[in-house]
Amino acid sequence: MPKISIIVPIYNVEQYLKKCVDSILAQTFQDYEIILVNDGSTDACGEICDDYINKDSRIRVIHKKNGGLADARNTGINAANGDYLGFVDSDDWLEPTMYETLYNVCFSENADISTCLIETQRKNKNQKTKVNKKEIKVFTSFEAISSLYEGKLSGFSACNKLYKKSLFENVEFPKGRVYEDAAIMYKLFSYASKIAFVNLPLYKYNYRDHSITRSNFSEKRFDVVANYFETYSFMENNYPEMCEKINFVYYVTLRTMIADIVCEKSIVQNSEYIKRISKHVREVNKAILKNNTITIKHKLLAQVLAWCPGLAVFFYKFFLKTN
């Protein structure tokens, strides 16, 4: 059995797929299997996947009907034979030493999860991540969860991490939901004995302007609501000291949704969405007012957003004009 199963969900990325798979095949760590999950692609991805079967015996291909990223990942998890799992998005690529580094860190630190930095790759300009010195930090579950919601520990992405497969026994990515990584990462961290972080930019994220999370405002943005209530309930039962932080992050997310609508200059078209955002702020308004991590200024803004969303939009328009 391989030590690592690397799962690659694939949908209509023929121009990126070979670079992605080749970067996995170039890994210095060799004891792995690659599970290519063709999620109903309508371009040449299926043929490209099948060609790779003849190139390397460690590659397995699963062809399935389109079910979305989460469903493709879950399919790969169910088929995996490795003791550890890794996920790679099919338009991204890896440094050759990524899985060797993450596996060795798990082994040396007796950690169930290891994670590295992500370096953003843009079409015309790459965002170079500065690292002065290789450093490894080890966190408890609570420390890792707390750092995660402070915007540290290399983010919510599932792809820059290596996991003990056993962590997924009672966890799966929520089907049909965007922000699926945020929906489960806190659970995986909670179930892990230790989480080890190495400050090396080993995962290369291909920034694409037309990806789901950067396209025009849509219904899918409201998937954060289900994420919040699930996360808050989990923290309330397991880490109550995290509840204020979760509430704060959720409020900032709702506030950002209003700002994004204003930036897109699509206020009239998205008036119903603005009303829904206002409603969601009202749902958690008591928690916002009691939250010690939210300043008085932003508590006042929350009241405007909750009860007078039109005025909140005006404030954002004024702010954007003067900055």
Protein backbone atom coordinates (compact mmCIF):
# COMPACT_ATOMS: atom_id res chain seq x y z
CA MET A 1 0.00 0.00 0.00
CA PRO A 2 1.26 3.53 -0.76
CA LYS A 3 2.06 5.89 2.09
CA ILE A 4 0.25 8.84 0.47
CA SER A 5 -2.84 9.07 -1.75
CA ILE A 6 -2.86 12.30 -3.75
CA ILE A 7 -6.36 13.21 -4.93
CA VAL A 8 -6.83 15.50 -7.93
CA PRO A 9 -10.43 16.54 -8.76
CA ILE A 10 -10.66 17.55 -12.42
CA TYR A 11 -13.21 19.55 -14.36
CA ASN A 12 -12.55 21.28 -17.71
CA VAL A 13 -8.95 22.33 -17.08
CA GLU A 14 -7.24 20.78 -20.10
CA GLN A 15 -4.83 23.73 -20.46
CA TYR A 16 -3.52 23.27 -16.89
CA LEU A 17 -3.86 19.55 -16.18
CA LYS A 18 -0.55 18.26 -17.54
CA LYS A 19 1.50 20.81 -15.62
CA CYS A 20 -0.36 19.82 -12.44
CA VAL A 21 0.07 16.06 -12.83
CA ASP A 22 3.67 16.35 -14.00
CA SER A 23 4.51 18.36 -10.88
CA ILE A 24 3.18 15.48 -8.77
CA LEU A 25 5.13 12.90 -10.76
CA ALA A 26 8.26 15.01 -10.19
CA GLN A 27 7.97 14.72 -6.40
CA THR A 28 11.11 13.61 -4.57
CA PHE A 29 8.86 11.50 -2.32
CA GLN A 30 7.94 8.48 -4.44
CA ASP A 31 5.75 6.21 -2.30
CA TYR A 32 2.34 7.49 -3.39
CA GLU A 33 -0.62 6.90 -5.64
CA ILE A 34 -2.33 9.59 -7.70
CA ILE A 35 -6.11 9.43 -7.97
CA LEU A 36 -7.35 11.53 -10.88
CA VAL A 37 -11.09 12.12 -10.46
CA ASN A 38 -12.54 13.29 -13.77
CA ASP A 39 -15.71 15.04 -12.62
CA GLY A 40 -17.66 14.90 -15.87
CA SER A 41 -15.32 17.12 -17.90
CA THR A 42 -16.60 18.09 -21.35
CA ASP A 43 -13.17 19.00 -22.74
CA ALA A 44 -10.13 16.74 -23.30
CA CYS A 45 -9.45 16.12 -19.59
CA GLY A 46 -10.81 12.57 -19.69
CA GLU A 47 -8.46 11.58 -22.52
CA ILE A 48 -5.50 13.28 -20.82
CA CYS A 49 -6.22 11.33 -17.62
CA ASP A 50 -6.40 8.02 -19.48
CA ASP A 51 -3.09 8.75 -21.24
CA TYR A 52 -1.40 9.10 -17.85
CA ILE A 53 -2.42 5.57 -16.83
CA ASN A 54 0.05 4.23 -19.41
CA LYS A 55 2.81 6.58 -18.22
CA ASP A 56 2.93 5.61 -14.55
CA SER A 57 1.50 2.62 -12.68
CA ARG A 58 0.86 4.77 -9.58
CA ILE A 59 -1.87 6.67 -11.40
CA ARG A 60 -5.52 5.66 -11.10
CA VAL A 61 -8.38 7.36 -12.92
CA ILE A 62 -12.01 7.62 -11.88
CA HIS A 63 -14.55 8.97 -14.39
CA LYS A 64 -17.82 10.17 -12.87
CA LYS A 65 -20.77 12.43 -13.52
CA ASN A 66 -20.27 16.05 -12.60
CA GLY A 67 -20.97 16.55 -8.92
CA GLY A 68 -18.70 19.44 -8.01
CA LEU A 69 -15.37 19.77 -6.25
CA ALA A 70 -16.49 18.41 -2.87
CA ASP A 71 -18.11 15.33 -4.42
CA ALA A 72 -14.99 14.62 -6.51
CA ARG A 73 -12.75 14.88 -3.44
CA ASN A 74 -15.04 12.59 -1.44
CA THR A 75 -14.93 10.06 -4.29
CA GLY A 76 -11.14 10.15 -4.18
CA ILE A 77 -11.08 9.72 -0.39
CA ASN A 78 -13.28 6.63 -0.62
CA ALA A 79 -10.97 5.11 -3.23
CA ALA A 80 -7.70 5.99 -1.45
CA ASN A 81 -5.34 3.29 -0.16
CA GLY A 82 -2.70 5.48 1.48
CA ASP A 83 -2.10 6.13 5.16
CA TYR A 84 -2.03 9.87 4.38
CA LEU A 85 -4.10 12.02 2.04
CA GLY A 86 -3.14 15.04 -0.03
CA PHE A 87 -5.34 17.18 -2.29
CA VAL A 88 -4.20 19.12 -5.34
CA ASP A 89 -6.48 21.34 -7.43
CA SER A 90 -6.03 20.50 -11.08
CA ASP A 91 -4.99 23.99 -12.19
CA ASP A 92 -2.28 24.32 -9.54
CA TRP A 93 1.17 22.74 -9.19
CA LEU A 94 3.75 21.78 -6.56
CA GLU A 95 7.37 22.27 -5.67
CA PRO A 96 9.18 18.91 -6.10
CA THR A 97 9.90 18.59 -2.37
CA MET A 98 6.40 19.33 -1.08
CA TYR A 99 5.22 15.87 -0.09
CA GLU A 100 8.64 14.73 1.12
CA THR A 101 8.75 17.78 3.39
CA LEU A 102 5.19 17.38 4.70
CA TYR A 103 5.55 13.63 5.26
CA ASN A 104 8.87 14.00 7.11
CA VAL A 105 7.41 16.75 9.30
CA CYS A 106 4.44 14.56 10.23
CA PHE A 107 6.84 11.73 11.09
CA SER A 108 9.41 13.78 13.02
CA GLU A 109 6.82 15.77 15.00
CA ASN A 110 4.33 12.89 15.46
CA ALA A 111 1.67 15.11 13.86
CA ASP A 112 -1.56 14.04 12.16
CA ILE A 113 -1.55 17.08 9.85
CA SER A 114 1.29 19.05 8.32
CA THR A 115 0.90 22.24 6.31
CA CYS A 116 3.04 24.62 4.25
CA LEU A 117 2.72 28.08 2.71
CA ILE A 118 0.88 28.79 -0.54
CA GLU A 119 2.49 30.94 -3.21
CA THR A 120 0.07 32.71 -5.56
CA GLN A 121 0.89 32.50 -9.26
CA ARG A 122 -0.72 35.15 -11.48
CA LYS A 123 -0.77 35.31 -15.25
CA ASN A 124 1.47 38.36 -15.51
CA LYS A 125 2.97 38.60 -12.03
CA ASN A 126 3.80 36.03 -9.39
CA GLN A 127 3.50 36.80 -5.69
CA LYS A 128 6.80 35.63 -4.24
CA THR A 129 6.57 34.47 -0.65
CA LYS A 130 9.56 35.61 1.37
CA VAL A 131 11.06 33.07 3.76
CA ASN A 132 14.11 34.07 5.75
CA LYS A 133 14.68 30.69 7.32
CA LYS A 134 12.97 27.31 7.28
CA GLU A 135 11.01 26.99 10.48
CA ILE A 136 8.72 24.30 11.87
CA LYS A 137 6.04 25.08 14.44
CA VAL A 138 3.87 22.51 16.18
CA PHE A 139 0.37 23.33 17.42
CA THR A 140 -2.24 21.66 19.58
CA SER A 141 -5.73 21.38 18.12
CA PHE A 142 -6.96 24.49 19.90
CA GLU A 143 -3.87 26.51 19.01
CA ALA A 144 -4.23 25.54 15.35
CA ILE A 145 -7.95 26.35 15.23
CA SER A 146 -7.37 29.71 16.91
CA SER A 147 -4.55 30.57 14.48
CA LEU A 148 -6.72 29.49 11.55
CA TYR A 149 -9.42 32.03 12.38
CA GLU A 150 -6.82 34.72 12.93
CA GLY A 151 -5.79 34.35 9.30
CA LYS A 152 -2.60 32.48 10.15
CA LEU A 153 -1.36 28.90 9.71
CA SER A 154 -1.45 29.09 5.89
CA GLY A 155 -5.23 29.37 5.59
CA PHE A 156 -8.25 27.11 5.16
CA SER A 157 -7.18 25.53 1.86
CA ALA A 158 -7.24 21.74 1.82
CA CYS A 159 -4.48 21.60 -0.78
CA ASN A 160 -1.37 22.76 1.08
CA LYS A 161 -1.66 20.07 3.75
CA LEU A 162 -1.04 16.39 4.38
CA TYR A 163 -3.51 14.45 6.56
CA LYS A 164 -3.70 11.12 8.33
CA LYS A 165 -6.45 9.37 6.39
CA SER A 166 -8.13 8.26 9.62
CA LEU A 167 -9.14 11.89 10.28
CA PHE A 168 -11.68 11.59 7.46
CA GLU A 169 -13.55 8.64 8.95
CA ASN A 170 -16.36 10.94 10.12
CA VAL A 171 -15.65 13.97 7.94
CA GLU A 172 -16.47 14.67 4.31
CA PHE A 173 -16.54 17.76 2.14
CA PRO A 174 -20.11 19.19 1.93
CA LYS A 175 -21.46 18.55 -1.55
CA GLY A 176 -22.60 21.47 -3.66
CA ARG A 177 -21.18 24.11 -1.34
CA VAL A 178 -18.41 26.62 -2.08
CA TYR A 179 -16.01 27.39 0.77
CA GLU A 180 -16.03 23.63 1.36
CA ASP A 181 -12.54 23.73 2.87
CA ALA A 182 -13.63 26.13 5.62
CA ALA A 183 -16.61 23.87 6.31
CA ILE A 184 -14.39 21.01 7.52
CA MET A 185 -10.90 22.31 8.34
CA TYR A 186 -11.70 23.13 11.97
CA LYS A 187 -13.03 19.58 12.45
CA LEU A 188 -9.89 18.00 11.04
CA PHE A 189 -7.72 20.21 13.25
CA SER A 190 -9.85 19.27 16.25
CA TYR A 191 -9.46 15.54 15.60
CA ALA A 192 -5.69 15.79 15.02
CA SER A 193 -3.27 15.12 17.87
CA LYS A 194 -0.85 17.78 16.59
CA ILE A 195 -0.66 20.09 13.58
CA ALA A 196 2.80 20.94 12.23
CA PHE A 197 3.49 24.01 10.11
CA VAL A 198 6.56 24.53 7.93
CA ASN A 199 7.08 28.04 6.52
CA LEU A 200 8.07 27.04 3.00
CA PRO A 201 5.98 28.06 -0.08
CA LEU A 202 5.66 24.58 -1.56
CA TYR A 203 2.14 24.79 -3.04
CA LYS A 204 1.64 26.97 -6.14
CA TYR A 205 -1.85 28.42 -6.43
CA ASN A 206 -2.89 29.45 -9.93
CA TYR A 207 -4.92 32.66 -9.54
CA ARG A 208 -7.70 32.74 -12.14
CA ASP A 209 -10.03 35.73 -12.38
CA HIS A 210 -13.03 33.64 -13.42
CA SER A 211 -12.96 31.17 -10.52
CA ILE A 212 -16.17 30.71 -8.49
CA THR A 213 -15.09 32.72 -5.47
CA ARG A 214 -14.02 35.74 -7.57
CA SER A 215 -16.86 35.87 -10.09
CA ASN A 216 -19.76 38.32 -9.85
CA PHE A 217 -21.87 38.22 -6.71
CA SER A 218 -24.16 35.21 -6.71
CA GLU A 219 -26.33 32.94 -4.61
CA LYS A 220 -23.34 30.72 -3.83
CA ARG A 221 -21.84 33.43 -1.62
CA PHE A 222 -24.53 32.61 0.94
CA ASP A 223 -22.97 29.20 1.56
CA VAL A 224 -21.03 31.01 4.29
CA VAL A 225 -24.26 31.13 6.33
CA ALA A 226 -24.51 27.34 6.65
CA ASN A 227 -20.77 27.21 7.38
CA TYR A 228 -21.16 29.74 10.19
CA PHE A 229 -23.99 28.01 12.03
CA GLU A 230 -22.31 24.61 11.76
CA THR A 231 -18.99 26.02 12.93
CA TYR A 232 -20.52 28.03 15.78
CA SER A 233 -22.41 24.99 17.05
CA PHE A 234 -19.24 22.89 16.96
CA MET A 235 -17.24 25.53 18.84
CA GLU A 236 -20.00 26.03 21.38
CA ASN A 237 -19.81 22.33 22.23
CA ASN A 238 -16.04 21.87 22.01
CA TYR A 239 -14.21 25.21 22.23
CA PRO A 240 -16.61 27.82 23.68
CA GLU A 241 -13.76 30.32 23.97
CA MET A 242 -13.71 30.40 20.15
CA CYS A 243 -17.33 31.54 19.75
CA GLU A 244 -16.60 35.27 19.79
CA LYS A 245 -13.91 34.86 17.15
CA ILE A 246 -16.24 32.82 14.90
CA ASN A 247 -18.98 35.42 15.32
CA PHE A 248 -16.54 38.20 14.44
CA VAL A 249 -15.29 36.41 11.30
CA TYR A 250 -18.87 35.80 10.16
CA TYR A 251 -19.87 39.43 10.65
CA VAL A 252 -16.81 40.61 8.70
CA THR A 253 -17.74 38.18 5.91
CA LEU A 254 -21.27 39.59 5.68
CA ARG A 255 -19.92 43.13 5.75
CA THR A 256 -17.51 42.27 2.94
CA MET A 257 -20.39 40.93 0.85
CA ILE A 258 -22.02 44.38 0.95
CA ALA A 259 -18.71 46.02 0.03
CA ASP A 260 -18.28 43.64 -2.92
CA ILE A 261 -21.74 44.50 -4.26
CA VAL A 262 -20.92 48.20 -4.01
CA CYS A 263 -17.54 47.67 -5.73
CA GLU A 264 -19.25 45.82 -8.57
CA LYS A 265 -21.67 48.76 -8.95
CA SER A 266 -24.49 46.24 -9.00
CA ILE A 267 -26.59 47.59 -6.12
CA VAL A 268 -29.92 47.66 -7.98
CA GLN A 269 -29.45 44.19 -9.50
CA ASN A 270 -28.51 42.76 -6.10
CA SER A 271 -31.03 44.59 -3.93
CA GLU A 272 -32.60 41.32 -2.79
CA TYR A 273 -29.18 40.00 -1.80
CA ILE A 274 -28.58 43.17 0.22
CA LYS A 275 -31.83 42.54 2.10
CA ARG A 276 -30.76 38.96 2.80
CA ILE A 277 -27.36 40.08 4.09
CA SER A 278 -29.13 42.53 6.38
CA LYS A 279 -31.39 39.75 7.64
CA HIS A 280 -28.40 37.52 8.42
CA VAL A 281 -26.76 40.33 10.40
CA ARG A 282 -29.96 40.72 12.42
CA GLU A 283 -29.94 36.98 13.16
CA VAL A 284 -26.62 37.30 15.00
CA ASN A 285 -27.00 40.89 16.17
CA LYS A 286 -27.19 40.05 19.87
CA ALA A 287 -23.94 38.11 19.62
CA ILE A 288 -22.33 41.02 17.74
CA LEU A 289 -23.33 43.50 20.45
CA LYS A 290 -21.92 41.24 23.18
CA ASN A 291 -18.73 40.48 21.26
CA ASN A 292 -15.68 41.96 22.98
CA THR A 293 -13.51 41.62 19.88
CA ILE A 294 -15.70 43.94 17.78
CA THR A 295 -15.09 47.67 18.26
CA ILE A 296 -17.90 50.09 19.13
CA LYS A 297 -17.50 51.68 15.69
CA HIS A 298 -18.17 48.38 13.94
CA LYS A 299 -20.98 47.49 16.32
CA LEU A 300 -22.66 50.73 15.27
CA LEU A 301 -22.05 49.88 11.62
CA ALA A 302 -23.59 46.46 12.26
CA GLN A 303 -26.75 48.17 13.53
CA VAL A 304 -26.95 50.25 10.38
CA LEU A 305 -26.45 47.15 8.25
CA ALA A 306 -29.02 45.18 10.25
CA TRP A 307 -31.80 47.78 10.30
CA CYS A 308 -31.02 50.30 7.53
CA PRO A 309 -29.14 48.41 4.77
CA GLY A 310 -29.70 51.24 2.29
CA LEU A 311 -27.82 53.60 4.56
CA ALA A 312 -25.02 51.04 4.96
CA VAL A 313 -24.69 50.90 1.18
CA PHE A 314 -24.48 54.70 1.10
CA PHE A 315 -21.68 54.63 3.69
CA TYR A 316 -19.72 52.09 1.64
CA LYS A 317 -20.19 54.12 -1.57
CA PHE A 318 -18.94 57.24 0.21
CA PHE A 319 -15.97 55.36 1.69
CA LEU A 320 -14.94 53.99 -1.70
CA LYS A 321 -15.12 57.43 -3.31
CA THR A 322 -12.92 59.03 -0.66
CA ASN A 323 -10.24 56.28 -0.57
